[in-house]
Amino acid sequence: MSAAWVAATTRGRGLARRRLGRDGALRLARLEGLEPALAELAQTPYGHDVRRGMDLPAARHAVSAAALWNLRVLAGWGPALGAGRVYALVAGFEAANISGHLAAIDGRVPSPPFELGSMAGVWPVVARARVPAEVRRVLASSPWGDPGTEDFAGVRLALRLAWARRVAAAVPEAALWAGASTALAMARALAVGAAPAPGTPAARDATRLLGSRWATARSPGDLVDALPHSVRWALSGVDPGSWAEADLWQAEARWWVRVESDAAALAVPPRPDPSVVVGVAGLLGADAWRIRAALELAARGGGPLAEVLDAVA
């Protein structure tokens, strides 16, 4: 194992030790108001991006940006060729940037783009596109592939499924996470009647990760029954007769809890190994998700509301 992997795994574990963890997130969630939570969070490693006075959307974005910064540092410590696993995981931030750019073209108010630095793929080119057709052309000639549509919602779903496909291919340790994430994406798409049409790139990616039976699902129960056993846990708590947002949010929370558990196991082995870096990346992602949820609960008044986070994450 190269000296670069030794550095990456050692320093990566150092990053993981700086997480706030479940207890830290619950402490934030119990604070009565967003500003007290931001004041405390700004004194932690998340203070790299989080500032007092932010509104909730900006604060949530800043938490994600801080996690991204750590992932970029993590990739920089590893061997150039071996950092591919982190690059594949970070591509999710590029997907968010592309979706945000399409939202702006569509006249919506997007979140600020994430700073990708040397980990950017097609984002610098997409950022110059002025119409959806240009975005689609750029994606079609990139690892993202042709989304098969220029519709905002359709491209966003295609990007999420393409990211899962890329992660499953490049990060074997995270293949299960990618499949379960696809199951969640399909549940949300079916909930709003926006499942990808057969033969589209999004449908093909869903089939690669879930098998073909998902296409026959018309209800939560149908989809759960159609999923491979390896990812069925992703929707195990969803009411078979409902697509309630609360159910799907809890399913997402369980997904992050599973990612965190798996990632912790990956990060444990004493010998330097690329899987340790994947584990650290998973731990950082899960911590950021929990902190974003905690900020939202604090913004709603905190106190007893923190029990919502305590119950699911």
C-alpha atoms as a PDB file:
ATOM      1  CA  MET A   1       0.000   0.000   0.000  1.00  0.00           C
ATOM      2  CA  SER A   2       1.444   3.383  -1.026  1.00  0.00           C
ATOM      3  CA  ALA A   3       2.430   6.169   1.326  1.00  0.00           C
ATOM      4  CA  ALA A   4      -0.384   8.249  -0.175  1.00  0.00           C
ATOM      5  CA  TRP A   5      -2.992   5.721   0.983  1.00  0.00           C
ATOM      6  CA  VAL A   6      -1.417   5.665   4.417  1.00  0.00           C
ATOM      7  CA  ALA A   7      -1.794   9.447   4.580  1.00  0.00           C
ATOM      8  CA  ALA A   8      -5.332   9.374   3.206  1.00  0.00           C
ATOM      9  CA  THR A   9      -6.586   6.759   5.648  1.00  0.00           C
ATOM     10  CA  THR A  10      -4.832   8.260   8.662  1.00  0.00           C
ATOM     11  CA  ARG A  11      -5.988  11.803   8.000  1.00  0.00           C
ATOM     12  CA  GLY A  12      -9.379  10.617   6.865  1.00  0.00           C
ATOM     13  CA  ARG A  13      -9.950   9.004  10.222  1.00  0.00           C
ATOM     14  CA  GLY A  14      -8.932  12.312  11.749  1.00  0.00           C
ATOM     15  CA  LEU A  15     -11.684  14.036   9.786  1.00  0.00           C
ATOM     16  CA  ALA A  16     -14.184  11.415  10.907  1.00  0.00           C
ATOM     17  CA  ARG A  17     -13.305  12.039  14.551  1.00  0.00           C
ATOM     18  CA  ARG A  18     -14.287  15.694  14.129  1.00  0.00           C
ATOM     19  CA  ARG A  19     -17.907  14.848  13.351  1.00  0.00           C
ATOM     20  CA  LEU A  20     -20.593  16.157  15.679  1.00  0.00           C
ATOM     21  CA  GLY A  21     -22.282  12.767  15.773  1.00  0.00           C
ATOM     22  CA  ARG A  22     -25.749  11.918  16.973  1.00  0.00           C
ATOM     23  CA  ASP A  23     -25.377  13.614  20.354  1.00  0.00           C
ATOM     24  CA  GLY A  24     -24.088  16.827  18.816  1.00  0.00           C
ATOM     25  CA  ALA A  25     -26.946  16.915  16.316  1.00  0.00           C
ATOM     26  CA  LEU A  26     -29.528  16.355  19.054  1.00  0.00           C
ATOM     27  CA  ARG A  27     -28.004  19.178  21.064  1.00  0.00           C
ATOM     28  CA  LEU A  28     -28.440  21.512  18.086  1.00  0.00           C
ATOM     29  CA  ALA A  29     -31.989  20.292  17.437  1.00  0.00           C
ATOM     30  CA  ARG A  30     -33.001  21.118  21.032  1.00  0.00           C
ATOM     31  CA  LEU A  31     -31.971  24.769  20.699  1.00  0.00           C
ATOM     32  CA  GLU A  32     -34.956  27.082  20.354  1.00  0.00           C
ATOM     33  CA  GLY A  33     -34.307  28.864  17.109  1.00  0.00           C
ATOM     34  CA  LEU A  34     -32.022  28.773  14.092  1.00  0.00           C
ATOM     35  CA  GLU A  35     -29.722  31.570  15.256  1.00  0.00           C
ATOM     36  CA  PRO A  36     -28.634  29.859  18.508  1.00  0.00           C
ATOM     37  CA  ALA A  37     -28.019  26.676  16.516  1.00  0.00           C
ATOM     38  CA  LEU A  38     -25.913  28.549  13.957  1.00  0.00           C
ATOM     39  CA  ALA A  39     -23.946  30.282  16.701  1.00  0.00           C
ATOM     40  CA  GLU A  40     -23.003  26.900  18.141  1.00  0.00           C
ATOM     41  CA  LEU A  41     -22.424  25.205  14.798  1.00  0.00           C
ATOM     42  CA  ALA A  42     -20.106  27.997  13.625  1.00  0.00           C
ATOM     43  CA  GLN A  43     -17.713  27.031  16.449  1.00  0.00           C
ATOM     44  CA  THR A  44     -17.348  23.487  15.072  1.00  0.00           C
ATOM     45  CA  PRO A  45     -15.577  22.215  11.940  1.00  0.00           C
ATOM     46  CA  TYR A  46     -18.755  23.140  10.042  1.00  0.00           C
ATOM     47  CA  GLY A  47     -17.745  26.737  10.683  1.00  0.00           C
ATOM     48  CA  HIS A  48     -15.648  26.433   7.512  1.00  0.00           C
ATOM     49  CA  ASP A  49     -18.848  27.460   5.697  1.00  0.00           C
ATOM     50  CA  VAL A  50     -21.585  28.037   8.297  1.00  0.00           C
ATOM     51  CA  ARG A  51     -22.074  31.622   9.506  1.00  0.00           C
ATOM     52  CA  ARG A  52     -24.390  33.309  11.960  1.00  0.00           C
ATOM     53  CA  GLY A  53     -27.258  35.200  10.356  1.00  0.00           C
ATOM     54  CA  MET A  54     -27.891  32.678   7.587  1.00  0.00           C
ATOM     55  CA  ASP A  55     -31.441  31.680   6.746  1.00  0.00           C
ATOM     56  CA  LEU A  56     -32.327  27.984   6.803  1.00  0.00           C
ATOM     57  CA  PRO A  57     -31.737  27.190   3.093  1.00  0.00           C
ATOM     58  CA  ALA A  58     -28.356  28.931   3.192  1.00  0.00           C
ATOM     59  CA  ALA A  59     -27.404  27.142   6.411  1.00  0.00           C
ATOM     60  CA  ARG A  60     -28.347  23.729   5.040  1.00  0.00           C
ATOM     61  CA  HIS A  61     -26.329  24.465   1.899  1.00  0.00           C
ATOM     62  CA  ALA A  62     -23.353  25.565   4.009  1.00  0.00           C
ATOM     63  CA  VAL A  63     -23.397  22.309   5.982  1.00  0.00           C
ATOM     64  CA  SER A  64     -23.258  20.359   2.719  1.00  0.00           C
ATOM     65  CA  ALA A  65     -20.506  22.644   1.424  1.00  0.00           C
ATOM     66  CA  ALA A  66     -18.434  21.952   4.540  1.00  0.00           C
ATOM     67  CA  ALA A  67     -18.814  18.216   4.002  1.00  0.00           C
ATOM     68  CA  LEU A  68     -17.809  18.642   0.358  1.00  0.00           C
ATOM     69  CA  TRP A  69     -14.692  20.559   1.387  1.00  0.00           C
ATOM     70  CA  ASN A  70     -13.631  17.648   3.593  1.00  0.00           C
ATOM     71  CA  LEU A  71     -14.245  15.186   0.763  1.00  0.00           C
ATOM     72  CA  ARG A  72     -12.095  17.279  -1.563  1.00  0.00           C
ATOM     73  CA  VAL A  73      -9.331  17.281   1.039  1.00  0.00           C
ATOM     74  CA  LEU A  74      -9.748  13.528   1.456  1.00  0.00           C
ATOM     75  CA  ALA A  75      -9.397  12.953  -2.297  1.00  0.00           C
ATOM     76  CA  GLY A  76      -6.311  15.146  -2.394  1.00  0.00           C
ATOM     77  CA  TRP A  77      -4.549  12.987   0.180  1.00  0.00           C
ATOM     78  CA  GLY A  78      -4.995   9.756  -1.757  1.00  0.00           C
ATOM     79  CA  PRO A  79      -3.174   8.545  -4.892  1.00  0.00           C
ATOM     80  CA  ALA A  80      -4.359  10.279  -8.052  1.00  0.00           C
ATOM     81  CA  LEU A  81      -5.729   7.103  -9.631  1.00  0.00           C
ATOM     82  CA  GLY A  82      -7.113   5.716  -6.384  1.00  0.00           C
ATOM     83  CA  ALA A  83      -9.169   8.820  -5.633  1.00  0.00           C
ATOM     84  CA  GLY A  84     -11.763   7.667  -8.179  1.00  0.00           C
ATOM     85  CA  ARG A  85     -14.007   6.366  -5.434  1.00  0.00           C
ATOM     86  CA  VAL A  86     -14.235   9.801  -3.827  1.00  0.00           C
ATOM     87  CA  TYR A  87     -14.690  11.454  -7.222  1.00  0.00           C
ATOM     88  CA  ALA A  88     -17.695   9.219  -7.905  1.00  0.00           C
ATOM     89  CA  LEU A  89     -19.252  10.085  -4.544  1.00  0.00           C
ATOM     90  CA  VAL A  90     -18.605  13.809  -4.986  1.00  0.00           C
ATOM     91  CA  ALA A  91     -20.336  13.680  -8.383  1.00  0.00           C
ATOM     92  CA  GLY A  92     -23.578  13.975  -6.417  1.00  0.00           C
ATOM     93  CA  PHE A  93     -22.667  17.586  -5.714  1.00  0.00           C
ATOM     94  CA  GLU A  94     -22.112  18.166  -9.416  1.00  0.00           C
ATOM     95  CA  ALA A  95     -25.575  16.737 -10.065  1.00  0.00           C
ATOM     96  CA  ALA A  96     -26.964  19.272  -7.575  1.00  0.00           C
ATOM     97  CA  ASN A  97     -25.156  22.085  -9.397  1.00  0.00           C
ATOM     98  CA  ILE A  98     -26.532  20.974 -12.758  1.00  0.00           C
ATOM     99  CA  SER A  99     -30.060  20.736 -11.358  1.00  0.00           C
ATOM    100  CA  GLY A 100     -29.686  24.187  -9.833  1.00  0.00           C
ATOM    101  CA  HIS A 101     -28.508  25.646 -13.125  1.00  0.00           C
ATOM    102  CA  LEU A 102     -31.511  24.145 -14.920  1.00  0.00           C
ATOM    103  CA  ALA A 103     -33.755  25.589 -12.207  1.00  0.00           C
ATOM    104  CA  ALA A 104     -32.304  29.047 -12.870  1.00  0.00           C
ATOM    105  CA  ILE A 105     -32.869  28.642 -16.624  1.00  0.00           C
ATOM    106  CA  ASP A 106     -36.449  27.633 -15.781  1.00  0.00           C
ATOM    107  CA  GLY A 107     -36.952  30.851 -13.825  1.00  0.00           C
ATOM    108  CA  ARG A 108     -36.719  29.286 -10.369  1.00  0.00           C
ATOM    109  CA  VAL A 109     -34.512  30.474  -7.517  1.00  0.00           C
ATOM    110  CA  PRO A 110     -31.648  27.953  -7.245  1.00  0.00           C
ATOM    111  CA  SER A 111     -29.252  27.239  -4.413  1.00  0.00           C
ATOM    112  CA  PRO A 112     -25.722  28.572  -4.956  1.00  0.00           C
ATOM    113  CA  PRO A 113     -23.487  26.114  -6.791  1.00  0.00           C
ATOM    114  CA  PHE A 114     -21.076  24.020  -4.767  1.00  0.00           C
ATOM    115  CA  GLU A 115     -17.369  24.735  -5.211  1.00  0.00           C
ATOM    116  CA  LEU A 116     -16.003  21.570  -6.827  1.00  0.00           C
ATOM    117  CA  GLY A 117     -12.496  22.728  -7.688  1.00  0.00           C
ATOM    118  CA  SER A 118     -10.441  20.050  -9.391  1.00  0.00           C
ATOM    119  CA  MET A 119     -13.223  17.506  -8.760  1.00  0.00           C
ATOM    120  CA  ALA A 120     -15.526  19.162 -11.282  1.00  0.00           C
ATOM    121  CA  GLY A 121     -16.484  17.085 -14.300  1.00  0.00           C
ATOM    122  CA  VAL A 122     -18.774  18.807 -16.794  1.00  0.00           C
ATOM    123  CA  TRP A 123     -19.984  21.508 -14.418  1.00  0.00           C
ATOM    124  CA  PRO A 124     -17.765  24.327 -15.801  1.00  0.00           C
ATOM    125  CA  VAL A 125     -19.227  23.696 -19.263  1.00  0.00           C
ATOM    126  CA  VAL A 126     -22.806  23.238 -18.058  1.00  0.00           C
ATOM    127  CA  ALA A 127     -22.552  26.500 -16.102  1.00  0.00           C
ATOM    128  CA  ARG A 128     -22.162  28.364 -19.396  1.00  0.00           C
ATOM    129  CA  ALA A 129     -25.228  26.775 -21.010  1.00  0.00           C
ATOM    130  CA  ARG A 130     -28.153  29.121 -21.575  1.00  0.00           C
ATOM    131  CA  VAL A 131     -30.917  26.728 -22.609  1.00  0.00           C
ATOM    132  CA  PRO A 132     -31.860  23.188 -21.515  1.00  0.00           C
ATOM    133  CA  ALA A 133     -30.921  21.765 -24.910  1.00  0.00           C
ATOM    134  CA  GLU A 134     -27.309  22.890 -24.383  1.00  0.00           C
ATOM    135  CA  VAL A 135     -27.230  21.237 -20.965  1.00  0.00           C
ATOM    136  CA  ARG A 136     -28.546  18.014 -22.454  1.00  0.00           C
ATOM    137  CA  ARG A 137     -25.895  18.036 -25.203  1.00  0.00           C
ATOM    138  CA  VAL A 138     -23.105  18.458 -22.667  1.00  0.00           C
ATOM    139  CA  LEU A 139     -24.444  15.667 -20.455  1.00  0.00           C
ATOM    140  CA  ALA A 140     -24.878  13.325 -23.419  1.00  0.00           C
ATOM    141  CA  SER A 141     -21.150  13.449 -24.167  1.00  0.00           C
ATOM    142  CA  SER A 142     -20.126  12.951 -20.539  1.00  0.00           C
ATOM    143  CA  PRO A 143     -20.198  10.116 -17.980  1.00  0.00           C
ATOM    144  CA  TRP A 144     -23.666  11.339 -16.963  1.00  0.00           C
ATOM    145  CA  GLY A 145     -25.115  10.284 -20.301  1.00  0.00           C
ATOM    146  CA  ASP A 146     -28.076  11.707 -22.183  1.00  0.00           C
ATOM    147  CA  PRO A 147     -30.913  12.322 -19.692  1.00  0.00           C
ATOM    148  CA  GLY A 148     -33.394  11.648 -22.478  1.00  0.00           C
ATOM    149  CA  THR A 149     -35.330  14.850 -21.762  1.00  0.00           C
ATOM    150  CA  GLU A 150     -34.942  18.586 -21.263  1.00  0.00           C
ATOM    151  CA  ASP A 151     -37.695  18.763 -18.639  1.00  0.00           C
ATOM    152  CA  PHE A 152     -36.391  20.040 -15.294  1.00  0.00           C
ATOM    153  CA  ALA A 153     -37.896  17.292 -13.125  1.00  0.00           C
ATOM    154  CA  GLY A 154     -36.984  14.619 -15.657  1.00  0.00           C
ATOM    155  CA  VAL A 155     -33.345  15.690 -15.877  1.00  0.00           C
ATOM    156  CA  ARG A 156     -33.073  15.904 -12.087  1.00  0.00           C
ATOM    157  CA  LEU A 157     -34.320  12.323 -11.706  1.00  0.00           C
ATOM    158  CA  ALA A 158     -32.060  11.115 -14.524  1.00  0.00           C
ATOM    159  CA  LEU A 159     -29.065  12.724 -12.824  1.00  0.00           C
ATOM    160  CA  ARG A 160     -29.849  11.092  -9.489  1.00  0.00           C
ATOM    161  CA  LEU A 161     -30.152   7.666 -11.063  1.00  0.00           C
ATOM    162  CA  ALA A 162     -27.048   8.209 -13.206  1.00  0.00           C
ATOM    163  CA  TRP A 163     -25.122   9.142 -10.061  1.00  0.00           C
ATOM    164  CA  ALA A 164     -26.277   5.938  -8.383  1.00  0.00           C
ATOM    165  CA  ARG A 165     -25.191   3.974 -11.447  1.00  0.00           C
ATOM    166  CA  ARG A 166     -21.765   5.633 -11.408  1.00  0.00           C
ATOM    167  CA  VAL A 167     -21.295   5.020  -7.685  1.00  0.00           C
ATOM    168  CA  ALA A 168     -22.291   1.355  -8.006  1.00  0.00           C
ATOM    169  CA  ALA A 169     -19.740   0.921 -10.806  1.00  0.00           C
ATOM    170  CA  ALA A 170     -16.822   2.848  -9.285  1.00  0.00           C
ATOM    171  CA  VAL A 171     -17.323   2.275  -5.553  1.00  0.00           C
ATOM    172  CA  PRO A 172     -18.048  -1.403  -4.885  1.00  0.00           C
ATOM    173  CA  GLU A 173     -18.213  -0.726  -1.144  1.00  0.00           C
ATOM    174  CA  ALA A 174     -21.120   1.665  -1.776  1.00  0.00           C
ATOM    175  CA  ALA A 175     -23.053  -0.393  -4.340  1.00  0.00           C
ATOM    176  CA  LEU A 176     -25.706  -1.303  -1.785  1.00  0.00           C
ATOM    177  CA  TRP A 177     -26.136   2.350  -0.836  1.00  0.00           C
ATOM    178  CA  ALA A 178     -26.553   3.235  -4.508  1.00  0.00           C
ATOM    179  CA  GLY A 179     -29.228   0.584  -5.033  1.00  0.00           C
ATOM    180  CA  ALA A 180     -31.163   1.638  -1.935  1.00  0.00           C
ATOM    181  CA  SER A 181     -30.887   5.299  -2.956  1.00  0.00           C
ATOM    182  CA  THR A 182     -32.395   4.355  -6.314  1.00  0.00           C
ATOM    183  CA  ALA A 183     -35.287   2.662  -4.530  1.00  0.00           C
ATOM    184  CA  LEU A 184     -35.953   5.873  -2.590  1.00  0.00           C
ATOM    185  CA  ALA A 185     -35.774   7.947  -5.771  1.00  0.00           C
ATOM    186  CA  MET A 186     -38.253   5.675  -7.512  1.00  0.00           C
ATOM    187  CA  ALA A 187     -40.604   5.818  -4.512  1.00  0.00           C
ATOM    188  CA  ARG A 188     -40.642   9.612  -4.681  1.00  0.00           C
ATOM    189  CA  ALA A 189     -41.090   9.568  -8.468  1.00  0.00           C
ATOM    190  CA  LEU A 190     -44.014   7.140  -8.245  1.00  0.00           C
ATOM    191  CA  ALA A 191     -45.532   9.218  -5.422  1.00  0.00           C
ATOM    192  CA  VAL A 192     -45.948  12.195  -7.760  1.00  0.00           C
ATOM    193  CA  GLY A 193     -46.760  10.192 -10.887  1.00  0.00           C
ATOM    194  CA  ALA A 194     -43.379  10.915 -12.457  1.00  0.00           C
ATOM    195  CA  ALA A 195     -41.869   7.457 -12.892  1.00  0.00           C
ATOM    196  CA  PRO A 196     -39.527   7.349 -15.901  1.00  0.00           C
ATOM    197  CA  ALA A 197     -41.054   5.940 -19.059  1.00  0.00           C
ATOM    198  CA  PRO A 198     -39.831   2.530 -20.266  1.00  0.00           C
ATOM    199  CA  GLY A 199     -36.770   2.777 -22.481  1.00  0.00           C
ATOM    200  CA  THR A 200     -35.597   6.139 -21.170  1.00  0.00           C
ATOM    201  CA  PRO A 201     -32.080   6.490 -19.753  1.00  0.00           C
ATOM    202  CA  ALA A 202     -33.483   6.925 -16.235  1.00  0.00           C
ATOM    203  CA  ALA A 203     -35.555   3.758 -16.574  1.00  0.00           C
ATOM    204  CA  ARG A 204     -32.535   1.832 -17.825  1.00  0.00           C
ATOM    205  CA  ASP A 205     -30.445   2.996 -14.876  1.00  0.00           C
ATOM    206  CA  ALA A 206     -33.227   2.038 -12.458  1.00  0.00           C
ATOM    207  CA  THR A 207     -33.370  -1.418 -14.043  1.00  0.00           C
ATOM    208  CA  ARG A 208     -29.585  -1.850 -13.780  1.00  0.00           C
ATOM    209  CA  LEU A 209     -29.776  -1.217 -10.049  1.00  0.00           C
ATOM    210  CA  LEU A 210     -33.189  -2.642  -9.117  1.00  0.00           C
ATOM    211  CA  GLY A 211     -34.028  -5.209 -11.768  1.00  0.00           C
ATOM    212  CA  SER A 212     -36.986  -4.885 -14.124  1.00  0.00           C
ATOM    213  CA  ARG A 213     -39.900  -5.538 -11.756  1.00  0.00           C
ATOM    214  CA  TRP A 214     -39.977  -1.954 -10.438  1.00  0.00           C
ATOM    215  CA  ALA A 215     -41.679  -0.887 -13.680  1.00  0.00           C
ATOM    216  CA  THR A 216     -44.846  -2.799 -12.720  1.00  0.00           C
ATOM    217  CA  ALA A 217     -45.209  -1.013  -9.345  1.00  0.00           C
ATOM    218  CA  ARG A 218     -48.289   1.146  -8.859  1.00  0.00           C
ATOM    219  CA  SER A 219     -48.236   1.469  -5.057  1.00  0.00           C
ATOM    220  CA  PRO A 220     -45.719   1.480  -2.185  1.00  0.00           C
ATOM    221  CA  GLY A 221     -46.479  -2.169  -1.505  1.00  0.00           C
ATOM    222  CA  ASP A 222     -45.947  -3.059  -5.176  1.00  0.00           C
ATOM    223  CA  LEU A 223     -42.573  -1.330  -5.224  1.00  0.00           C
ATOM    224  CA  VAL A 224     -41.374  -2.972  -2.004  1.00  0.00           C
ATOM    225  CA  ASP A 225     -42.351  -6.403  -3.363  1.00  0.00           C
ATOM    226  CA  ALA A 226     -40.581  -5.656  -6.654  1.00  0.00           C
ATOM    227  CA  LEU A 227     -37.267  -4.663  -5.080  1.00  0.00           C
ATOM    228  CA  PRO A 228     -34.317  -7.038  -4.752  1.00  0.00           C
ATOM    229  CA  HIS A 229     -33.998  -8.357  -1.202  1.00  0.00           C
ATOM    230  CA  SER A 230     -30.639  -6.600  -0.881  1.00  0.00           C
ATOM    231  CA  VAL A 231     -32.250  -3.123  -1.001  1.00  0.00           C
ATOM    232  CA  ARG A 232     -35.791  -3.799   0.201  1.00  0.00           C
ATOM    233  CA  TRP A 233     -34.865  -2.426   3.633  1.00  0.00           C
ATOM    234  CA  ALA A 234     -34.800   1.069   2.119  1.00  0.00           C
ATOM    235  CA  LEU A 235     -38.614   1.139   2.060  1.00  0.00           C
ATOM    236  CA  SER A 236     -39.338  -1.319   4.849  1.00  0.00           C
ATOM    237  CA  GLY A 237     -41.113   1.284   7.003  1.00  0.00           C
ATOM    238  CA  VAL A 238     -43.268   2.868   4.298  1.00  0.00           C
ATOM    239  CA  ASP A 239     -46.994   2.319   4.775  1.00  0.00           C
ATOM    240  CA  PRO A 240     -48.043  -0.042   1.922  1.00  0.00           C
ATOM    241  CA  GLY A 241     -51.147   2.053   1.357  1.00  0.00           C
ATOM    242  CA  SER A 242     -49.568   5.490   1.435  1.00  0.00           C
ATOM    243  CA  TRP A 243     -46.945   7.665  -0.207  1.00  0.00           C
ATOM    244  CA  ALA A 244     -46.964  10.069   2.772  1.00  0.00           C
ATOM    245  CA  GLU A 245     -44.036  12.490   2.804  1.00  0.00           C
ATOM    246  CA  ALA A 246     -43.381  11.657   6.448  1.00  0.00           C
ATOM    247  CA  ASP A 247     -42.956   7.990   5.540  1.00  0.00           C
ATOM    248  CA  LEU A 248     -40.508   8.823   2.770  1.00  0.00           C
ATOM    249  CA  TRP A 249     -38.563  11.201   5.021  1.00  0.00           C
ATOM    250  CA  GLN A 250     -38.228   8.460   7.631  1.00  0.00           C
ATOM    251  CA  ALA A 251     -37.120   6.055   4.903  1.00  0.00           C
ATOM    252  CA  GLU A 252     -34.408   8.526   3.901  1.00  0.00           C
ATOM    253  CA  ALA A 253     -33.363   8.802   7.552  1.00  0.00           C
ATOM    254  CA  ARG A 254     -33.082   5.012   7.785  1.00  0.00           C
ATOM    255  CA  TRP A 255     -30.993   5.039   4.609  1.00  0.00           C
ATOM    256  CA  TRP A 256     -28.531   7.451   6.212  1.00  0.00           C
ATOM    257  CA  VAL A 257     -28.438   5.407   9.422  1.00  0.00           C
ATOM    258  CA  ARG A 258     -27.580   2.322   7.345  1.00  0.00           C
ATOM    259  CA  VAL A 259     -24.907   4.235   5.411  1.00  0.00           C
ATOM    260  CA  GLU A 260     -23.403   5.433   8.684  1.00  0.00           C
ATOM    261  CA  SER A 261     -23.373   1.920  10.153  1.00  0.00           C
ATOM    262  CA  ASP A 262     -21.777   0.390   7.059  1.00  0.00           C
ATOM    263  CA  ALA A 263     -19.306   3.275   6.774  1.00  0.00           C
ATOM    264  CA  ALA A 264     -18.211   2.899  10.380  1.00  0.00           C
ATOM    265  CA  ALA A 265     -17.361  -0.749   9.703  1.00  0.00           C
ATOM    266  CA  LEU A 266     -15.383   0.204   6.586  1.00  0.00           C
ATOM    267  CA  ALA A 267     -13.378   2.831   8.449  1.00  0.00           C
ATOM    268  CA  VAL A 268     -12.269   0.465  11.232  1.00  0.00           C
ATOM    269  CA  PRO A 269      -9.601  -1.819   9.627  1.00  0.00           C
ATOM    270  CA  PRO A 270      -6.130  -0.804  10.844  1.00  0.00           C
ATOM    271  CA  ARG A 271      -4.416  -1.315   7.498  1.00  0.00           C
ATOM    272  CA  PRO A 272      -4.549   1.548   4.960  1.00  0.00           C
ATOM    273  CA  ASP A 273      -7.047   0.651   2.285  1.00  0.00           C
ATOM    274  CA  PRO A 274      -9.276   2.499  -0.243  1.00  0.00           C
ATOM    275  CA  SER A 275     -12.358   1.133   1.519  1.00  0.00           C
ATOM    276  CA  VAL A 276     -11.370   3.088   4.624  1.00  0.00           C
ATOM    277  CA  VAL A 277     -11.620   6.288   2.589  1.00  0.00           C
ATOM    278  CA  VAL A 278     -15.107   5.251   1.404  1.00  0.00           C
ATOM    279  CA  GLY A 279     -16.052   4.635   5.009  1.00  0.00           C
ATOM    280  CA  VAL A 280     -14.852   8.084   6.044  1.00  0.00           C
ATOM    281  CA  ALA A 281     -16.788   9.649   3.158  1.00  0.00           C
ATOM    282  CA  GLY A 282     -19.951   7.842   4.264  1.00  0.00           C
ATOM    283  CA  LEU A 283     -19.489   8.980   7.859  1.00  0.00           C
ATOM    284  CA  LEU A 284     -19.031  12.596   6.780  1.00  0.00           C
ATOM    285  CA  GLY A 285     -22.113  12.457   4.549  1.00  0.00           C
ATOM    286  CA  ALA A 286     -24.299  10.953   7.267  1.00  0.00           C
ATOM    287  CA  ASP A 287     -23.145  13.519   9.805  1.00  0.00           C
ATOM    288  CA  ALA A 288     -23.953  16.384   7.435  1.00  0.00           C
ATOM    289  CA  TRP A 289     -27.430  14.956   6.781  1.00  0.00           C
ATOM    290  CA  ARG A 290     -28.135  14.733  10.518  1.00  0.00           C
ATOM    291  CA  ILE A 291     -26.893  18.308  11.111  1.00  0.00           C
ATOM    292  CA  ARG A 292     -29.129  19.647   8.316  1.00  0.00           C
ATOM    293  CA  ALA A 293     -32.102  17.905   9.900  1.00  0.00           C
ATOM    294  CA  ALA A 294     -31.154  19.304  13.311  1.00  0.00           C
ATOM    295  CA  LEU A 295     -31.023  22.858  11.954  1.00  0.00           C
ATOM    296  CA  GLU A 296     -34.487  22.477  10.465  1.00  0.00           C
ATOM    297  CA  LEU A 297     -35.891  21.291  13.792  1.00  0.00           C
ATOM    298  CA  ALA A 298     -34.170  24.117  15.670  1.00  0.00           C
ATOM    299  CA  ALA A 299     -35.618  26.616  13.177  1.00  0.00           C
ATOM    300  CA  ARG A 300     -39.083  25.261  13.968  1.00  0.00           C
ATOM    301  CA  GLY A 301     -38.635  25.868  17.674  1.00  0.00           C
ATOM    302  CA  GLY A 302     -36.394  23.050  18.840  1.00  0.00           C
ATOM    303  CA  GLY A 303     -37.074  21.651  22.291  1.00  0.00           C
ATOM    304  CA  PRO A 304     -39.424  18.655  22.148  1.00  0.00           C
ATOM    305  CA  LEU A 305     -39.194  18.611  18.331  1.00  0.00           C
ATOM    306  CA  ALA A 306     -35.704  17.152  18.725  1.00  0.00           C
ATOM    307  CA  GLU A 307     -37.375  13.882  19.651  1.00  0.00           C
ATOM    308  CA  VAL A 308     -38.261  13.500  15.948  1.00  0.00           C
ATOM    309  CA  LEU A 309     -34.559  13.291  15.116  1.00  0.00           C
ATOM    310  CA  ASP A 310     -33.886  11.126  18.152  1.00  0.00           C
ATOM    311  CA  ALA A 311     -36.506   8.619  16.997  1.00  0.00           C
ATOM    312  CA  VAL A 312     -35.318   8.164  13.416  1.00  0.00           C
ATOM    313  CA  ALA A 313     -31.604   9.003  13.345  1.00  0.00           C
END
